[in-house]
């Protein structure tokens, strides 16, 4: 499909996979007619339905409405003197929802880059957050089945390990896509004469941002978010070939794998100076989710569930990186004053939480003492 798009000279369109709603994406009466997305030039998540009985097309099989529109613009022949008016007429349809467009410059694939969360790779449908939630459920349902499916006579566990890595990549993609809605701003590039129903910049509604945070807290940050993986870890063995073992040992790096999803996928974007500054700027034209509220919700998601008990290994790394991130903001000139104030406020709240926390094992005591050390150093610096 991408080869076809490049042949036609079409631009990448990372907004194309937002064309259909979750209710429409598996309706083949629609997708066999116009495809699953507006253009073949997006990089969508493979469409897999949570309910197998409702499965539609896994991939788009059609040039999408945007593609056909671009071809019409590029190749329509006009009578002498009619071209300018004819092209204007074609362009005037840009506000049609099936002709949505956002290219590489607009996409949010990297932390802190761009502003419109609908322009992204590896997402799908006009409700990418709900779609991601289904994807998390599919992954968590599938992981426990890997051992039975890929423990085969006469072969190593390399295939099982590869399939597990496929599934964790799906999680990473979903975490990244969902996190971009926090502090996001929808962009409309139509001209005034097209009389669009939306303004050029519209902050993502509060309910949508809160839903994104809720999904992250449940599927990326919660103590039980990676429970499905535990039974698979002892099987994630590479195939033995001569002397090719990693020098540090061949065991699977489970903690680094999870922390990458949590930190690189979510926190590095939400706590990026560009995102935090935009959250505050967009408060002046409609955003209702302040930096202080965002950090407060992160704190709840990262600390509340296990404050009265021991902290599992996943959460020790997550809590530590969150605290270090907040502490680092205090003296970092990349961050604005509103963000620094919110970071200090959050550190003080965490310190109060830790003062009444219950630690019954030595590991949790050590973990919490280390966080207090980091917090106190940051608070002392800020005086």
Protein backbone atom coordinates (compact mmCIF):
# COMPACT_ATOMS: atom_id res chain seq x y z
CA UNK A 1 0.00 0.00 0.00
CA UNK A 2 2.77 2.47 0.88
CA UNK A 3 4.53 1.73 -2.40
CA UNK A 4 1.28 2.64 -4.17
CA UNK A 5 1.07 5.86 -2.20
CA UNK A 6 4.63 6.88 -3.01
CA UNK A 7 4.08 6.07 -6.68
CA UNK A 8 1.12 8.44 -6.71
CA UNK A 9 3.16 11.09 -4.93
CA UNK A 10 0.88 11.08 -1.89
CA UNK A 11 2.06 12.59 1.37
CA UNK A 12 2.19 10.58 4.59
CA UNK A 13 -1.10 11.09 6.44
CA UNK A 14 -0.80 10.12 10.11
CA UNK A 15 -4.32 11.37 10.83
CA UNK A 16 -5.93 8.97 8.34
CA UNK A 17 -6.53 6.12 10.81
CA UNK A 18 -8.93 8.40 12.74
CA UNK A 19 -11.52 8.31 9.93
CA UNK A 20 -13.85 5.64 11.38
CA UNK A 21 -15.29 5.28 14.88
CA UNK A 22 -14.71 2.12 16.97
CA UNK A 23 -18.28 1.09 16.07
CA UNK A 24 -17.55 1.44 12.33
CA UNK A 25 -14.04 0.00 12.08
CA UNK A 26 -15.23 -3.65 11.98
CA UNK A 27 -18.25 -2.94 9.77
CA UNK A 28 -17.21 -4.45 6.42
CA UNK A 29 -20.16 -2.78 4.66
CA UNK A 30 -18.21 0.44 5.27
CA UNK A 31 -14.60 -0.76 5.06
CA UNK A 32 -15.04 -2.73 1.83
CA UNK A 33 -16.36 0.46 0.26
CA UNK A 34 -13.97 3.16 1.54
CA UNK A 35 -11.29 1.27 3.49
CA UNK A 36 -10.52 1.40 7.21
CA UNK A 37 -8.75 4.76 7.00
CA UNK A 38 -8.67 7.93 4.95
CA UNK A 39 -5.34 7.14 3.32
CA UNK A 40 -3.03 4.17 2.76
CA UNK A 41 -0.19 6.46 3.85
CA UNK A 42 -0.68 6.08 7.61
CA UNK A 43 0.99 3.57 9.95
CA UNK A 44 -1.99 2.25 11.92
CA UNK A 45 -2.31 -0.43 14.57
CA UNK A 46 -3.45 -3.66 12.89
CA UNK A 47 -7.21 -3.74 13.41
CA UNK A 48 -7.90 -6.61 15.83
CA UNK A 49 -11.32 -6.74 17.51
CA UNK A 50 -11.54 -7.54 21.21
CA UNK A 51 -14.62 -9.62 20.39
CA UNK A 52 -13.54 -12.09 17.68
CA UNK A 53 -17.12 -12.56 16.50
CA UNK A 54 -17.15 -8.90 15.39
CA UNK A 55 -13.82 -8.95 13.54
CA UNK A 56 -13.78 -6.96 10.31
CA UNK A 57 -10.81 -6.12 8.09
CA UNK A 58 -7.39 -6.41 9.72
CA UNK A 59 -5.90 -4.04 7.13
CA UNK A 60 -7.29 -1.49 4.74
CA UNK A 61 -7.62 -2.84 1.21
CA UNK A 62 -8.68 0.35 -0.57
CA UNK A 63 -7.19 3.64 -1.57
CA UNK A 64 -8.90 5.86 0.98
CA UNK A 65 -11.08 8.94 0.38
CA UNK A 66 -8.11 11.25 1.00
CA UNK A 67 -6.01 9.34 -1.54
CA UNK A 68 -8.74 9.59 -4.19
CA UNK A 69 -9.14 13.30 -3.44
CA UNK A 70 -5.37 13.88 -3.79
CA UNK A 71 -5.37 11.97 -7.09
CA UNK A 72 -8.33 14.05 -8.28
CA UNK A 73 -6.42 17.26 -7.42
CA UNK A 74 -3.23 16.08 -9.11
CA UNK A 75 -4.60 14.50 -12.26
CA UNK A 76 -7.92 16.14 -13.21
CA UNK A 77 -7.74 17.76 -16.63
CA UNK A 78 -9.43 21.12 -17.12
CA UNK A 79 -10.44 23.14 -20.13
CA UNK A 80 -8.20 26.16 -20.89
CA UNK A 81 -8.70 28.89 -18.28
CA UNK A 82 -10.74 26.62 -15.99
CA UNK A 83 -7.90 25.07 -13.94
CA UNK A 84 -7.61 27.63 -11.12
CA UNK A 85 -11.34 27.63 -10.40
CA UNK A 86 -11.53 23.83 -10.73
CA UNK A 87 -8.68 23.23 -8.29
CA UNK A 88 -10.21 25.69 -5.80
CA UNK A 89 -13.45 23.74 -5.92
CA UNK A 90 -11.63 20.46 -5.20
CA UNK A 91 -9.67 22.04 -2.33
CA UNK A 92 -12.82 23.52 -0.78
CA UNK A 93 -13.82 20.02 0.36
CA UNK A 94 -10.90 19.76 2.84
CA UNK A 95 -13.24 19.99 5.85
CA UNK A 96 -14.97 16.71 4.89
CA UNK A 97 -14.22 14.37 7.85
CA UNK A 98 -13.19 11.61 5.42
CA UNK A 99 -10.44 13.88 4.06
CA UNK A 100 -8.63 14.39 7.37
CA UNK A 101 -4.91 15.06 7.00
CA UNK A 102 -1.80 15.52 9.11
CA UNK A 103 1.69 14.66 7.86
CA UNK A 104 5.07 13.84 9.45
CA UNK A 105 5.56 17.43 10.61
CA UNK A 106 2.33 17.21 12.61
CA UNK A 107 2.71 13.72 14.06
CA UNK A 108 3.29 13.14 17.78
CA UNK A 109 5.46 10.03 17.56
CA UNK A 110 8.25 11.56 19.74
CA UNK A 111 7.85 12.93 23.29
CA UNK A 112 7.25 16.67 23.23
CA UNK A 113 6.74 16.81 19.45
CA UNK A 114 3.73 18.51 17.83
CA UNK A 115 0.32 19.13 19.44
CA UNK A 116 -2.58 17.22 17.82
CA UNK A 117 -2.88 13.70 19.30
CA UNK A 118 -5.03 12.53 16.38
CA UNK A 119 -1.97 12.77 14.13
CA UNK A 120 0.02 9.75 15.24
CA UNK A 121 1.32 6.36 14.21
CA UNK A 122 0.18 2.96 15.52
CA UNK A 123 -3.22 4.21 16.72
CA UNK A 124 -6.65 3.57 15.23
CA UNK A 125 -10.18 5.02 15.05
CA UNK A 126 -11.63 8.37 16.08
CA UNK A 127 -11.54 7.18 19.71
CA UNK A 128 -7.94 6.07 19.97
CA UNK A 129 -8.14 5.90 23.78
CA UNK A 130 -11.02 3.38 23.78
CA UNK A 131 -9.28 1.48 20.99
CA UNK A 132 -6.10 1.35 23.09
CA UNK A 133 -8.02 0.05 26.10
CA UNK A 134 -9.30 -2.85 23.97
CA UNK A 135 -5.74 -3.47 22.76
CA UNK A 136 -4.43 -3.65 26.36
CA UNK A 137 -7.11 -6.23 27.13
CA UNK A 138 -6.21 -8.28 24.03
CA UNK A 139 -2.51 -8.25 24.99
CA UNK A 140 -3.19 -9.20 28.62
CA UNK A 141 -5.51 -12.01 27.49
CA UNK A 142 -2.96 -13.29 24.96
CA UNK A 143 0.26 -13.29 27.01
CA UNK A 144 -0.75 -16.24 29.26
CA UNK A 145 -1.49 -18.32 26.12
CA UNK A 146 2.03 -17.93 24.72
CA UNK A 147 3.62 -20.77 26.71
CA UNK A 148 1.13 -23.35 25.45
CA UNK A 149 1.22 -22.09 21.88
CA UNK A 150 4.97 -21.63 21.39
CA UNK A 151 6.51 -24.40 23.51
CA UNK A 152 7.05 -26.78 20.60
CA UNK A 153 8.98 -30.08 20.48
CA UNK A 154 12.29 -29.80 18.70
CA UNK A 155 12.59 -26.02 18.87
CA UNK A 156 13.88 -23.43 21.34
CA UNK A 157 11.83 -20.72 23.07
CA UNK A 158 13.07 -18.03 20.65
CA UNK A 159 9.66 -17.85 18.93
CA UNK A 160 7.88 -17.46 22.28
CA UNK A 161 10.24 -14.63 23.19
CA UNK A 162 9.69 -12.95 19.81
CA UNK A 163 5.88 -13.15 20.20
CA UNK A 164 6.09 -11.72 23.72
CA UNK A 165 8.18 -8.83 22.37
CA UNK A 166 5.52 -8.27 19.68
CA UNK A 167 2.87 -7.93 22.38
CA UNK A 168 4.90 -5.56 24.55
CA UNK A 169 5.50 -3.40 21.46
CA UNK A 170 1.71 -3.20 21.07
CA UNK A 171 1.47 -1.98 24.66
CA UNK A 172 4.20 0.60 24.07
CA UNK A 173 2.41 1.91 20.99
CA UNK A 174 -0.88 2.24 22.86
CA UNK A 175 0.70 3.92 25.90
CA UNK A 176 2.41 6.42 23.59
CA UNK A 177 -0.80 7.15 21.65
CA UNK A 178 -2.94 7.61 24.78
CA UNK A 179 -0.43 9.84 26.58
CA UNK A 180 -0.49 12.39 23.73
CA UNK A 181 -4.10 13.36 24.54
CA UNK A 182 -2.93 14.87 27.84
CA UNK A 183 -2.12 18.49 27.05
CA UNK A 184 -3.09 17.98 23.41
CA UNK A 185 -4.62 20.59 21.11
CA UNK A 186 -6.75 19.67 18.07
CA UNK A 187 -5.71 21.53 14.93
CA UNK A 188 -8.01 22.68 12.09
CA UNK A 189 -6.13 24.13 9.09
CA UNK A 190 -9.15 25.18 7.02
CA UNK A 191 -9.42 28.77 5.80
CA UNK A 192 -12.08 31.23 7.10
CA UNK A 193 -14.21 31.04 3.91
CA UNK A 194 -14.73 27.31 4.51
CA UNK A 195 -16.68 28.17 7.66
CA UNK A 196 -15.43 25.21 9.72
CA UNK A 197 -17.39 24.23 12.83
CA UNK A 198 -14.15 24.21 14.84
CA UNK A 199 -11.53 26.88 15.59
CA UNK A 200 -7.94 26.54 14.35
CA UNK A 201 -6.87 25.42 17.86
CA UNK A 202 -9.16 23.51 20.24
CA UNK A 203 -7.71 22.05 23.46
CA UNK A 204 -8.58 18.38 24.01
CA UNK A 205 -11.70 18.33 26.25
CA UNK A 206 -11.15 17.73 29.96
CA UNK A 207 -13.14 14.46 29.94
CA UNK A 208 -10.94 13.08 27.14
CA UNK A 209 -7.71 14.05 28.91
CA UNK A 210 -8.98 12.53 32.16
CA UNK A 211 -9.94 9.33 30.33
CA UNK A 212 -6.41 9.13 28.90
CA UNK A 213 -4.97 9.49 32.40
CA UNK A 214 -7.38 6.87 33.76
CA UNK A 215 -6.36 4.36 31.06
CA UNK A 216 -2.65 4.99 31.70
CA UNK A 217 -3.11 4.59 35.45
CA UNK A 218 -4.95 1.30 34.94
CA UNK A 219 -2.91 -0.36 32.19
CA UNK A 220 0.58 1.19 32.58
CA UNK A 221 1.04 2.37 36.17
CA UNK A 222 -1.14 0.17 38.42
CA UNK A 223 0.61 -2.45 40.62
CA UNK A 224 -1.18 -5.23 38.73
CA UNK A 225 -0.76 -3.76 35.21
CA UNK A 226 1.79 -6.42 34.22
CA UNK A 227 0.49 -9.39 36.19
CA UNK A 228 -0.09 -11.34 32.97
CA UNK A 229 3.66 -11.34 32.22
CA UNK A 230 4.91 -13.09 35.37
CA UNK A 231 4.28 -16.65 34.17
CA UNK A 232 6.04 -15.99 30.85
CA UNK A 233 9.31 -14.56 32.23
CA UNK A 234 10.97 -17.95 32.98
CA UNK A 235 10.47 -18.97 29.33
CA UNK A 236 11.90 -15.90 27.56
CA UNK A 237 15.07 -17.66 26.50
CA UNK A 238 17.05 -16.84 23.36
CA UNK A 239 18.14 -19.64 21.08
CA UNK A 240 21.65 -20.88 21.89
CA UNK A 241 24.02 -20.43 18.94
CA UNK A 242 27.71 -20.79 19.67
CA UNK A 243 29.16 -17.96 21.74
CA UNK A 244 26.56 -15.28 21.14
CA UNK A 245 25.19 -14.81 24.67
CA UNK A 246 25.02 -11.23 25.97
CA UNK A 247 28.00 -10.51 28.22
CA UNK A 248 25.76 -9.40 31.09
CA UNK A 249 23.75 -12.62 30.96
CA UNK A 250 20.97 -14.00 28.82
CA UNK A 251 18.06 -13.49 31.25
CA UNK A 252 15.22 -11.26 30.05
CA UNK A 253 15.42 -7.62 31.21
CA UNK A 254 11.88 -7.51 32.55
CA UNK A 255 12.15 -4.34 34.66
CA UNK A 256 13.79 -2.30 31.90
CA UNK A 257 11.16 -3.51 29.44
CA UNK A 258 8.27 -2.32 31.62
CA UNK A 259 9.94 0.92 32.68
CA UNK A 260 10.55 1.84 29.06
CA UNK A 261 6.81 1.59 28.40
CA UNK A 262 5.95 3.66 31.48
CA UNK A 263 8.68 6.28 31.19
CA UNK A 264 9.52 6.57 27.49
CA UNK A 265 5.93 5.90 26.43
CA UNK A 266 4.04 8.13 28.87
CA UNK A 267 5.99 10.15 31.45
CA UNK A 268 8.64 11.51 29.08
CA UNK A 269 5.86 13.09 27.01
CA UNK A 270 3.48 14.24 29.76
CA UNK A 271 6.32 15.77 31.80
CA UNK A 272 8.13 17.22 28.76
CA UNK A 273 8.67 21.00 29.05
CA UNK A 274 6.85 21.54 25.73
CA UNK A 275 3.78 19.62 26.93
CA UNK A 276 3.65 21.28 30.34
CA UNK A 277 4.05 24.77 28.86
CA UNK A 278 1.30 24.04 26.32
CA UNK A 279 -1.03 22.83 29.08
CA UNK A 280 -0.65 26.23 30.77
CA UNK A 281 -0.86 28.27 27.55
CA UNK A 282 -3.97 26.42 26.39
CA UNK A 283 -5.66 27.16 29.73
CA UNK A 284 -6.14 30.65 28.30
CA UNK A 285 -8.33 29.35 25.45
CA UNK A 286 -10.30 26.43 26.79
CA UNK A 287 -8.08 23.81 28.43
CA UNK A 288 -9.44 22.85 31.86
CA UNK A 289 -6.69 20.45 32.96
CA UNK A 290 -3.95 22.38 34.77
CA UNK A 291 -0.36 21.18 35.22
CA UNK A 292 -1.04 20.91 38.97
CA UNK A 293 -4.08 18.68 38.29
CA UNK A 294 -2.14 16.53 35.80
CA UNK A 295 0.66 15.96 38.32
CA UNK A 296 -1.86 15.31 41.07
CA UNK A 297 -3.50 12.57 38.98
CA UNK A 298 -0.10 11.08 38.12
CA UNK A 299 0.80 11.07 41.80
CA UNK A 300 -2.43 9.26 42.69
CA UNK A 301 -1.91 6.69 39.94
CA UNK A 302 1.73 6.08 40.81
CA UNK A 303 1.51 6.13 44.64
CA UNK A 304 -1.96 5.61 46.11
CA UNK A 305 -2.62 1.92 45.43
CA UNK A 306 0.29 0.58 47.49
CA UNK A 307 0.93 3.34 50.04
CA UNK A 308 -0.45 1.14 52.84
CA UNK A 309 1.46 -1.95 51.80
CA UNK A 310 4.74 -3.10 50.27
CA UNK A 311 5.74 -1.78 46.85
CA UNK A 312 6.34 -4.32 44.08
CA UNK A 313 9.39 -4.19 41.83
CA UNK A 314 7.61 -2.50 38.89
CA UNK A 315 6.29 0.26 41.11
CA UNK A 316 9.63 0.84 42.82
CA UNK A 317 11.20 1.75 39.48
CA UNK A 318 8.15 3.77 38.39
CA UNK A 319 7.89 5.76 41.65
CA UNK A 320 11.64 6.41 41.65
CA UNK A 321 11.74 7.73 38.09
CA UNK A 322 8.68 9.93 38.72
CA UNK A 323 10.23 11.43 41.88
CA UNK A 324 13.57 12.00 40.14
CA UNK A 325 11.78 13.62 37.21
CA UNK A 326 9.94 16.06 39.49
CA UNK A 327 13.11 16.79 41.47
CA UNK A 328 15.01 17.46 38.25
CA UNK A 329 12.47 20.08 37.17
CA UNK A 330 13.18 22.31 40.17
CA UNK A 331 16.53 23.60 38.85
CA UNK A 332 16.02 22.92 35.14
CA UNK A 333 15.68 26.11 33.08
CA UNK A 334 13.73 24.23 30.38
CA UNK A 335 10.65 24.25 32.64
CA UNK A 336 8.43 27.27 33.28
CA UNK A 337 7.54 28.54 36.74
CA UNK A 338 4.03 27.03 36.77
CA UNK A 339 5.50 23.58 36.10
CA UNK A 340 8.20 24.03 38.74
CA UNK A 341 5.60 25.10 41.31
CA UNK A 342 3.46 22.07 40.51
CA UNK A 343 6.53 19.77 40.72
CA UNK A 344 7.48 21.15 44.16
CA UNK A 345 3.90 20.86 45.35
CA UNK A 346 3.75 17.24 44.18
CA UNK A 347 7.07 16.39 45.87
CA UNK A 348 5.74 17.82 49.16
CA UNK A 349 2.56 15.75 48.84
CA UNK A 350 4.57 12.59 48.16
CA UNK A 351 6.75 13.35 51.18
CA UNK A 352 3.60 13.61 53.36
CA UNK A 353 2.32 10.32 51.91
CA UNK A 354 5.61 8.58 52.63
CA UNK A 355 5.58 9.80 56.25
CA UNK A 356 2.50 7.66 56.96
CA UNK A 357 3.33 4.81 54.55
CA UNK A 358 3.41 1.27 55.88
CA UNK A 359 6.53 -0.71 54.96
CA UNK A 360 6.76 -4.25 56.27
CA UNK A 361 9.67 -5.51 54.20
CA UNK A 362 13.24 -4.28 53.97
CA UNK A 363 13.07 -3.70 50.22
CA UNK A 364 10.14 -1.28 50.50
CA UNK A 365 11.76 0.54 53.44
CA UNK A 366 14.94 1.02 51.40
CA UNK A 367 12.96 2.19 48.36
CA UNK A 368 10.99 4.78 50.31
CA UNK A 369 14.06 6.02 52.18
CA UNK A 370 15.81 6.58 48.84
CA UNK A 371 12.84 8.58 47.52
CA UNK A 372 12.78 10.72 50.67
CA UNK A 373 16.50 11.39 50.21
CA UNK A 374 15.84 12.64 46.64
CA UNK A 375 12.80 14.69 47.70
CA UNK A 376 14.56 16.36 50.64
CA UNK A 377 17.53 17.27 48.45
CA UNK A 378 15.20 18.89 45.90
CA UNK A 379 13.21 20.74 48.57
CA UNK A 380 16.42 21.99 50.23
CA UNK A 381 17.69 23.25 46.85
CA UNK A 382 14.47 25.15 46.27
CA UNK A 383 14.69 27.19 49.50
